[in-house]
Protein backbone atom coordinates (compact mmCIF):
# COMPACT_ATOMS: atom_id res chain seq x y z
CA MET A 1 -2.73 -0.96 13.06
CA ILE A 2 -4.41 -1.55 9.70
CA ARG A 3 -3.16 -5.12 9.88
CA ALA A 4 -4.81 -5.37 13.28
CA LEU A 5 -8.17 -4.29 11.83
CA ILE A 6 -7.83 -6.83 9.04
CA LEU A 7 -6.89 -9.55 11.52
CA LEU A 8 -9.84 -8.57 13.71
CA SER A 9 -12.15 -9.20 10.78
CA LEU A 10 -10.49 -12.43 9.75
CA ILE A 11 -10.23 -13.90 13.20
CA SER A 12 -13.77 -12.89 14.12
CA ALA A 13 -15.04 -14.65 11.00
CA CYS A 14 -13.00 -17.75 11.75
CA ILE A 15 -14.18 -17.93 15.33
CA ALA A 16 -17.75 -17.73 14.11
CA THR A 17 -17.04 -20.41 11.46
CA PRO A 18 -14.20 -22.55 12.79
CA ILE A 19 -14.05 -24.85 9.72
CA MET A 20 -13.30 -21.91 7.43
CA ASN A 21 -9.77 -21.44 6.05
CA ALA A 22 -9.37 -17.66 6.08
CA LYS A 23 -6.54 -17.62 3.50
CA LYS A 24 -8.67 -19.49 0.93
CA HIS A 25 -12.01 -17.95 1.85
CA PHE A 26 -10.79 -14.37 1.68
CA ASN A 27 -8.31 -15.06 -1.15
CA LEU A 28 -5.44 -13.58 0.87
CA PRO A 29 -2.14 -12.96 -0.94
CA ASP A 30 0.82 -15.27 -0.25
CA ASP A 31 2.76 -12.44 1.45
CA PHE A 32 0.02 -12.39 4.13
CA CYS A 33 1.27 -15.76 5.30
CA SER A 34 4.90 -14.63 5.28
CA GLN A 35 3.99 -11.84 7.69
CA CYS A 36 1.28 -13.68 9.63
CA VAL A 37 3.22 -14.31 12.83
CA ILE A 38 4.32 -10.68 13.05
CA SER A 39 0.81 -9.46 12.30
CA VAL A 40 -0.74 -11.72 14.95
CA GLU A 41 1.84 -10.62 17.47
CA ASP A 42 1.07 -6.94 16.73
CA PHE A 43 -2.65 -7.63 16.86
CA LEU A 44 -2.43 -9.26 20.30
CA SER A 45 -0.08 -6.71 21.82
CA ASN A 46 -1.30 -3.29 20.60
CA ILE A 47 -3.89 -2.81 23.33
CA ASN A 48 -2.92 0.77 24.17
CA VAL A 49 -3.35 2.26 20.71
CA GLU A 50 -6.71 0.74 19.86
CA ASN A 51 -8.96 3.46 21.31
CA THR A 52 -7.25 6.15 19.33
CA VAL A 53 -7.26 4.20 16.08
CA PHE A 54 -10.85 3.02 16.46
CA THR A 55 -11.98 6.57 17.31
CA GLN A 56 -10.41 7.76 14.05
CA VAL A 57 -11.93 4.88 12.01
CA CYS A 58 -15.38 5.43 13.50
CA SER A 59 -15.21 9.22 13.08
CA ASP A 60 -14.23 8.78 9.45
CA MET A 61 -16.95 6.19 8.76
CA MET A 62 -19.61 8.47 10.31
CA HIS A 63 -18.17 11.68 8.88
CA SER A 64 -18.38 13.13 12.34
CA ASP A 65 -16.15 14.46 15.06
CA SER A 66 -15.97 12.12 18.07
CA ASP A 67 -16.63 15.01 20.46
CA LYS A 68 -19.94 15.89 18.79
CA ASN A 69 -21.45 12.48 18.01
CA PRO A 70 -22.10 9.97 20.77
CA MET A 71 -22.54 7.21 18.16
CA VAL A 72 -18.81 7.40 17.48
CA LYS A 73 -18.28 6.24 21.09
CA VAL A 74 -20.76 3.42 20.57
CA CYS A 75 -18.88 2.39 17.40
CA VAL A 76 -15.54 2.44 19.28
CA ALA A 77 -17.02 0.38 22.12
CA GLY A 78 -18.16 -2.21 19.59
CA PHE A 79 -14.70 -2.50 18.06
CA ILE A 80 -13.04 -2.73 21.50
CA GLY A 81 -15.57 -5.33 22.63
CA GLU A 82 -14.84 -7.44 19.55
CA MET A 83 -11.09 -7.14 20.12
CA GLU A 84 -11.49 -8.30 23.73
CA TYR A 85 -13.70 -11.21 22.62
CA VAL A 86 -11.14 -12.32 20.00
CA ARG A 87 -8.22 -11.98 22.41
CA GLU A 88 -10.09 -14.06 24.97
CA LYS A 89 -10.75 -16.81 22.41
CA LEU A 90 -7.08 -16.81 21.35
CA ALA A 91 -5.66 -16.90 24.87
CA GLY A 92 -3.28 -19.80 25.34
CA HIS A 93 -2.55 -20.25 21.64
CA SER A 94 0.80 -19.36 20.09
CA ASP A 95 1.12 -16.95 17.15
CA GLU A 96 2.16 -19.92 15.02
CA GLU A 97 -0.99 -21.90 15.97
CA ILE A 98 -3.18 -18.92 15.11
CA CYS A 99 -1.49 -18.51 11.73
CA ASP A 100 -1.88 -22.21 11.04
CA TRP A 101 -5.56 -21.93 11.97
CA LEU A 102 -5.91 -18.95 9.56
CA GLY A 103 -4.58 -21.14 6.71
CA CYS A 104 -0.96 -20.08 6.88
CA PRO A 105 0.83 -23.22 8.17
CA GLN A 106 3.75 -22.30 10.39
CA ILE A 107 3.82 -25.52 12.43
CA THR A 108 2.88 -29.13 11.73
CA SER A 109 -0.18 -29.38 13.98
CA SER A 110 -3.38 -27.43 13.65
CA THR A 111 -5.37 -26.24 16.66
CA THR A 112 -8.64 -24.37 16.47
CA PRO A 113 -9.41 -22.08 19.43
CA SER A 114 -12.41 -23.40 21.35
CA GLN A 115 -15.71 -21.65 21.13
């Protein structure tokens, strides 16, 4: 799920700035590209585990228990909202197209998800 959080950040940044090459801009290691398709597939399909993971991440960031701090729930809602936005923008694009768009060419054509 850590890869999903990283991809959430990368893809959100690329959607905001579609001309950006994430691999070059974020200086991603070459092994990122070798695992890109698997990472994108995991990112797009792990819907059921997000709430638990984001609750843990937000609780850790705020040094607070999720049961005692309503801001943890606000933080989780923000993460989930961003995930839904990114998934909506990527709908209809293959994992290979998304990797190509992130700067990890897997196929010969490049397609940028519409804004």
